[in-house]
Amino acid sequence: MYSFRQLEYQVILELSEYFPVILLCRVTGIPRSSFYNWKRSIFEPSKRARDFAGNIMLFMEYHKKYPSHGYRWLNAKIRLDTGIVHSDPYAYKCCRAAGIKSRTKHYRYKKPGNPYRLFPNLLLAGLPAYAPMQYIASDMTAFCFKGTYYELTLYMDLWNNEIVSHALSSRRGDRMTYINGLEGLIKTREKETEWQTILHSDQGAVYASKKYNDILRLHHIGHSMSRAGTPTDNAAMEAINGWLKSELFTDFHVTGKESIEREIEEYIKFFNEERPAYALGYMTPKQYREAYSGNGNSKRKK
């Protein structure tokens, strides 16, 4: 949007074909030097102005691909992909100039529910995660695609927010998504045996079932549960469920040209290896894990 002064400059420029600039400036009360400086900035922009315009286009390109994210995440993604480093205030300036805003739903806080029924909420103790596979969060999220209902069960390592296992089913209430995902988690866990693993979930019927907990005990995995009706007790998993559905259909534009299973696989690969995370200092989960291994901590003992 032009300011009033810029509009005056524009009028003088258009009328300069018919009247002398000195006369137009005298009538409008604008110094000729100011008009010519403005004209030079339009037709001969400085390097700084050209760079700013180029960066605006870059942010617009990334926003078109990832519309569910704001300027900080876009800035981190550009830095990850291209190596171009901008400060967050500069990124905000570029996004504001381009009219870029994230398309993300915001959820209201809910009051905590009743205490645990079967297992204590071990995450409320606030114990930090020092290494991979210490604390795993799990949840099921559902979505519809082309008239088909799907249930996706995820297992995420709270140490670096990496999705370590998942299972998908088109059958409503399919208990095997939980079991299959758990089996994938156990296979991954076999590579990280020096820490006691705690699995955190809600109080869903499958998580509370005897068969599910027998598998956990067999593999020496502890169980932690959120309070009833308190999704904020498993906030990290709830956030991931929200981001996943938002990014799948807003950013990735799932088309169905490939099987939905394949597209979920591709998204989870992107999530683990290419998606910068604010909680990790805008590193990807894979980068965070590799940095940990590179520091010689992969063999850390209890």
Protein backbone atom coordinates (compact mmCIF):
# COMPACT_ATOMS: atom_id res chain seq x y z
CA MET A 1 0.00 0.00 0.00
CA TYR A 2 1.32 3.43 -0.99
CA SER A 3 1.65 6.26 1.53
CA PHE A 4 0.23 9.69 0.67
CA ARG A 5 3.70 11.02 -0.17
CA GLN A 6 4.40 8.07 -2.47
CA LEU A 7 1.13 8.73 -4.25
CA GLU A 8 2.25 12.32 -4.78
CA TYR A 9 5.54 11.08 -6.24
CA GLN A 10 3.59 8.75 -8.53
CA VAL A 11 1.35 11.58 -9.74
CA ILE A 12 4.36 13.81 -10.50
CA LEU A 13 5.99 10.95 -12.42
CA GLU A 14 2.90 10.42 -14.55
CA LEU A 15 2.35 14.16 -15.19
CA SER A 16 6.03 14.77 -15.98
CA GLU A 17 5.30 13.69 -19.56
CA TYR A 18 3.15 16.81 -19.96
CA PHE A 19 4.54 19.37 -17.49
CA PRO A 20 8.02 20.30 -16.23
CA VAL A 21 9.04 18.50 -13.02
CA ILE A 22 10.13 21.81 -11.46
CA LEU A 23 6.59 23.18 -11.87
CA LEU A 24 4.92 20.04 -10.49
CA CYS A 25 7.21 20.00 -7.46
CA ARG A 26 6.53 23.68 -6.82
CA VAL A 27 2.75 23.11 -6.93
CA THR A 28 2.88 20.09 -4.60
CA GLY A 29 5.52 21.57 -2.31
CA ILE A 30 7.86 18.63 -2.78
CA PRO A 31 11.62 19.29 -3.19
CA ARG A 32 12.93 18.15 -6.56
CA SER A 33 15.77 16.27 -4.86
CA SER A 34 13.26 14.20 -2.88
CA PHE A 35 11.33 13.33 -6.02
CA TYR A 36 14.46 12.34 -7.94
CA ASN A 37 15.71 10.24 -4.99
CA TRP A 38 12.39 8.41 -4.97
CA LYS A 39 12.51 7.93 -8.74
CA ARG A 40 16.05 6.56 -8.51
CA SER A 41 15.00 4.11 -5.79
CA ILE A 42 12.22 2.83 -8.07
CA PHE A 43 14.17 2.49 -11.30
CA GLU A 44 17.63 1.92 -9.83
CA PRO A 45 17.08 0.09 -6.51
CA SER A 46 20.03 -0.35 -4.19
CA LYS A 47 21.61 -3.76 -3.57
CA ARG A 48 19.96 -3.81 -0.16
CA ALA A 49 16.54 -3.24 -1.72
CA ARG A 50 17.17 -5.91 -4.37
CA ASP A 51 18.28 -8.39 -1.72
CA PHE A 52 15.20 -7.61 0.37
CA ALA A 53 12.92 -8.19 -2.63
CA GLY A 54 14.71 -11.46 -3.40
CA ASN A 55 14.33 -12.65 0.18
CA ILE A 56 10.65 -11.77 0.15
CA MET A 57 10.24 -13.97 -2.92
CA LEU A 58 12.16 -16.76 -1.19
CA PHE A 59 9.90 -16.66 1.87
CA MET A 60 6.83 -16.57 -0.37
CA GLU A 61 8.11 -19.66 -2.20
CA TYR A 62 8.58 -21.57 1.07
CA HIS A 63 5.27 -20.34 2.48
CA LYS A 64 3.51 -21.62 -0.64
CA LYS A 65 5.04 -25.03 0.02
CA TYR A 66 4.58 -24.99 3.83
CA PRO A 67 1.62 -22.64 4.49
CA SER A 68 0.92 -24.01 7.97
CA HIS A 69 4.10 -22.48 9.43
CA GLY A 70 5.12 -19.00 10.58
CA TYR A 71 8.19 -16.89 9.96
CA ARG A 72 10.49 -18.55 12.55
CA TRP A 73 9.96 -22.05 11.17
CA LEU A 74 10.22 -20.85 7.56
CA ASN A 75 13.46 -19.08 8.43
CA ALA A 76 14.84 -22.26 10.00
CA LYS A 77 13.77 -24.36 7.01
CA ILE A 78 15.41 -21.96 4.55
CA ARG A 79 18.61 -22.05 6.63
CA LEU A 80 18.48 -25.88 6.70
CA ASP A 81 17.88 -26.24 2.94
CA THR A 82 19.98 -23.43 1.49
CA GLY A 83 22.45 -22.35 4.17
CA ILE A 84 21.13 -18.76 3.93
CA VAL A 85 21.10 -17.26 7.44
CA HIS A 86 18.67 -14.49 8.43
CA SER A 87 17.83 -13.20 11.87
CA ASP A 88 14.28 -13.83 13.10
CA PRO A 89 13.46 -10.07 13.10
CA TYR A 90 14.56 -9.86 9.45
CA ALA A 91 12.51 -12.97 8.61
CA TYR A 92 9.51 -11.37 10.30
CA LYS A 93 10.06 -8.20 8.25
CA CYS A 94 10.13 -10.21 5.01
CA CYS A 95 7.00 -12.19 5.92
CA ARG A 96 5.16 -9.06 7.02
CA ALA A 97 6.00 -7.34 3.73
CA ALA A 98 4.70 -10.38 1.85
CA GLY A 99 1.58 -10.73 4.02
CA ILE A 100 2.61 -14.21 5.14
CA LYS A 101 0.71 -15.73 8.07
CA SER A 102 0.63 -19.34 9.25
CA ARG A 103 -2.54 -21.34 8.75
CA THR A 104 -2.70 -23.22 12.03
CA LYS A 105 -5.55 -24.03 14.39
CA HIS A 106 -5.24 -22.96 18.01
CA TYR A 107 -6.65 -25.11 20.77
CA ARG A 108 -8.07 -23.98 24.09
CA TYR A 109 -6.62 -25.17 27.34
CA LYS A 110 -8.65 -27.83 29.17
CA LYS A 111 -8.74 -28.35 32.91
CA PRO A 112 -6.98 -31.47 34.24
CA GLY A 113 -9.16 -34.53 34.70
CA ASN A 114 -9.24 -37.20 37.38
CA PRO A 115 -6.04 -38.90 38.60
CA TYR A 116 -4.66 -42.01 36.92
CA ARG A 117 -6.68 -45.21 36.93
CA LEU A 118 -4.11 -47.94 36.27
CA PHE A 119 -0.65 -46.37 35.99
CA PRO A 120 0.83 -43.19 37.47
CA ASN A 121 1.68 -40.18 35.32
CA LEU A 122 5.45 -40.38 35.48
CA LEU A 123 5.92 -37.40 33.17
CA LEU A 124 4.44 -35.08 35.81
CA ALA A 125 7.61 -35.65 37.83
CA GLY A 126 9.43 -33.54 35.24
CA LEU A 127 12.34 -35.95 34.87
CA PRO A 128 14.49 -34.90 31.88
CA ALA A 129 15.44 -37.23 29.04
CA TYR A 130 19.20 -37.66 28.74
CA ALA A 131 19.36 -40.07 25.82
CA PRO A 132 17.29 -41.75 23.09
CA MET A 133 14.45 -44.13 23.96
CA GLN A 134 14.07 -43.09 27.60
CA TYR A 135 10.57 -41.62 27.26
CA ILE A 136 8.26 -42.63 24.42
CA ALA A 137 4.87 -40.98 23.92
CA SER A 138 2.09 -42.66 21.96
CA ASP A 139 -1.32 -41.66 20.68
CA MET A 140 -3.80 -42.46 17.93
CA THR A 141 -5.10 -39.82 15.52
CA ALA A 142 -7.85 -40.26 12.92
CA PHE A 143 -8.53 -38.57 9.59
CA CYS A 144 -10.64 -39.06 6.47
CA PHE A 145 -9.26 -39.15 2.96
CA LYS A 146 -11.39 -39.62 -0.16
CA GLY A 147 -14.26 -40.90 1.92
CA THR A 148 -12.16 -43.49 3.77
CA TYR A 149 -11.60 -43.31 7.53
CA TYR A 150 -8.04 -43.95 8.73
CA GLU A 151 -6.50 -44.41 12.17
CA LEU A 152 -2.80 -43.71 12.63
CA THR A 153 -0.96 -44.71 15.81
CA LEU A 154 2.34 -42.96 16.49
CA TYR A 155 5.24 -43.64 18.86
CA MET A 156 7.51 -40.64 19.41
CA ASP A 157 10.78 -40.34 21.32
CA LEU A 158 10.37 -37.33 23.64
CA TRP A 159 14.15 -36.88 23.75
CA ASN A 160 14.34 -35.55 20.18
CA ASN A 161 10.70 -35.67 18.96
CA GLU A 162 11.51 -38.39 16.46
CA ILE A 163 8.71 -40.68 15.30
CA VAL A 164 10.31 -44.07 15.92
CA SER A 165 7.35 -46.25 14.95
CA HIS A 166 3.86 -45.98 13.48
CA ALA A 167 1.00 -48.09 12.13
CA LEU A 168 -1.95 -47.21 9.89
CA SER A 169 -5.32 -48.89 9.41
CA SER A 170 -8.54 -48.15 7.53
CA ARG A 171 -10.59 -50.18 10.01
CA ARG A 172 -12.35 -48.15 12.68
CA GLY A 173 -11.24 -49.18 16.17
CA ASP A 174 -8.50 -51.50 14.86
CA ARG A 175 -6.52 -52.58 17.93
CA MET A 176 -3.68 -53.90 15.80
CA THR A 177 -2.43 -50.40 14.92
CA TYR A 178 -1.38 -50.06 18.56
CA ILE A 179 0.18 -53.54 18.68
CA ASN A 180 1.95 -53.25 15.31
CA GLY A 181 3.31 -49.85 16.25
CA LEU A 182 4.51 -51.22 19.59
CA GLU A 183 6.31 -54.07 17.85
CA GLY A 184 8.09 -51.53 15.64
CA LEU A 185 9.07 -49.59 18.76
CA ILE A 186 10.49 -52.71 20.40
CA LYS A 187 12.65 -53.45 17.32
CA THR A 188 14.02 -49.91 17.38
CA ARG A 189 14.59 -50.08 21.13
CA GLU A 190 16.81 -53.13 20.76
CA LYS A 191 19.48 -50.77 19.37
CA GLU A 192 19.30 -48.55 22.49
CA THR A 193 19.46 -50.88 25.50
CA GLU A 194 21.34 -48.85 28.13
CA TRP A 195 18.28 -46.91 29.36
CA GLN A 196 15.05 -47.95 31.02
CA THR A 197 12.22 -47.06 28.62
CA ILE A 198 8.98 -45.46 29.83
CA LEU A 199 5.99 -45.43 27.48
CA HIS A 200 3.46 -42.64 28.09
CA SER A 201 -0.09 -42.84 26.73
CA ASP A 202 -3.65 -41.83 27.49
CA GLN A 203 -6.15 -44.12 29.25
CA GLY A 204 -7.52 -45.62 26.03
CA ALA A 205 -8.94 -49.13 26.07
CA VAL A 206 -6.06 -50.69 24.12
CA TYR A 207 -3.35 -48.96 26.17
CA ALA A 208 -5.06 -50.21 29.33
CA SER A 209 -5.63 -53.76 28.02
CA LYS A 210 -3.94 -56.81 29.53
CA LYS A 211 -2.47 -57.95 26.20
CA TYR A 212 -0.82 -54.59 25.56
CA ASN A 213 0.67 -54.32 29.05
CA ASP A 214 1.84 -57.94 28.99
CA ILE A 215 3.95 -57.05 25.94
CA LEU A 216 5.38 -54.02 27.78
CA ARG A 217 6.30 -56.11 30.83
CA LEU A 218 7.83 -58.81 28.65
CA HIS A 219 10.23 -56.26 27.18
CA HIS A 220 10.82 -54.38 30.46
CA ILE A 221 9.06 -51.20 29.35
CA GLY A 222 7.41 -49.11 32.05
CA HIS A 223 3.96 -47.58 31.50
CA SER A 224 2.88 -44.03 32.32
CA MET A 225 -0.63 -42.65 31.73
CA SER A 226 -2.19 -39.22 31.41
CA ARG A 227 -5.00 -38.19 33.72
CA ALA A 228 -8.47 -38.88 32.33
CA GLY A 229 -9.72 -36.14 30.04
CA THR A 230 -6.41 -34.27 30.20
CA PRO A 231 -4.77 -34.21 26.75
CA THR A 232 -2.27 -31.60 28.01
CA ASP A 233 -0.60 -34.39 30.02
CA ASN A 234 0.54 -35.73 26.65
CA ALA A 235 1.00 -32.29 25.09
CA ALA A 236 3.92 -33.20 22.82
CA MET A 237 1.97 -36.00 21.18
CA GLU A 238 -1.18 -33.89 20.84
CA ALA A 239 0.86 -31.17 19.15
CA ILE A 240 2.41 -33.64 16.73
CA ASN A 241 -1.03 -35.02 15.82
CA GLY A 242 -2.18 -31.50 15.01
CA TRP A 243 0.91 -30.64 12.97
CA LEU A 244 0.78 -33.93 11.11
CA LYS A 245 -2.76 -33.49 9.82
CA SER A 246 -2.20 -29.82 9.09
CA GLU A 247 1.00 -30.42 7.14
CA LEU A 248 -0.24 -33.54 5.34
CA PHE A 249 -3.19 -31.79 3.78
CA THR A 250 -2.05 -28.13 3.78
CA ASP A 251 1.64 -28.44 2.90
CA PHE A 252 2.02 -31.84 1.27
CA HIS A 253 -1.33 -31.77 -0.53
CA VAL A 254 -1.91 -35.52 -0.25
CA THR A 255 -3.33 -36.51 -3.64
CA GLY A 256 -3.82 -40.25 -3.47
CA LYS A 257 -1.72 -40.83 -6.59
CA GLU A 258 0.36 -43.10 -4.37
CA SER A 259 -1.09 -45.28 -1.63
CA ILE A 260 -1.94 -43.39 1.55
CA GLU A 261 0.47 -45.70 3.40
CA ARG A 262 3.30 -44.59 1.11
CA GLU A 263 2.43 -40.92 1.55
CA ILE A 264 2.38 -41.31 5.34
CA GLU A 265 5.81 -42.98 5.13
CA GLU A 266 7.16 -40.06 3.08
CA TYR A 267 5.77 -37.51 5.51
CA ILE A 268 7.28 -39.24 8.55
CA LYS A 269 10.64 -39.37 6.75
CA PHE A 270 10.30 -35.62 6.14
CA PHE A 271 9.29 -35.08 9.78
CA ASN A 272 12.33 -36.93 11.12
CA GLU A 273 14.97 -35.81 8.62
CA GLU A 274 13.96 -32.52 6.99
CA ARG A 275 11.59 -30.67 9.34
CA PRO A 276 13.34 -28.25 11.76
CA ALA A 277 11.83 -28.26 15.26
CA TYR A 278 11.65 -25.25 17.57
CA ALA A 279 12.17 -27.44 20.67
CA LEU A 280 15.47 -28.67 19.20
CA GLY A 281 16.83 -25.23 18.37
CA TYR A 282 15.50 -25.64 14.82
CA MET A 283 17.48 -28.81 14.23
CA THR A 284 15.75 -31.82 12.76
CA PRO A 285 15.31 -34.92 14.97
CA LYS A 286 17.91 -36.71 12.83
CA GLN A 287 20.43 -33.85 13.18
CA TYR A 288 19.87 -33.79 16.95
CA ARG A 289 20.47 -37.54 17.22
CA GLU A 290 23.58 -37.36 15.02
CA ALA A 291 24.96 -34.47 17.09
CA TYR A 292 24.43 -36.56 20.23
CA SER A 293 26.25 -39.53 18.68
CA GLY A 294 29.01 -37.26 17.41
CA ASN A 295 29.67 -36.01 20.95
CA GLY A 296 30.49 -39.56 22.01
CA ASN A 297 27.30 -40.02 24.02
CA SER A 298 25.88 -42.96 22.11
CA LYS A 299 27.54 -45.37 24.53
CA ARG A 300 26.62 -43.46 27.68
CA LYS A 301 25.87 -45.73 30.64
CA LYS A 302 23.18 -45.51 33.30
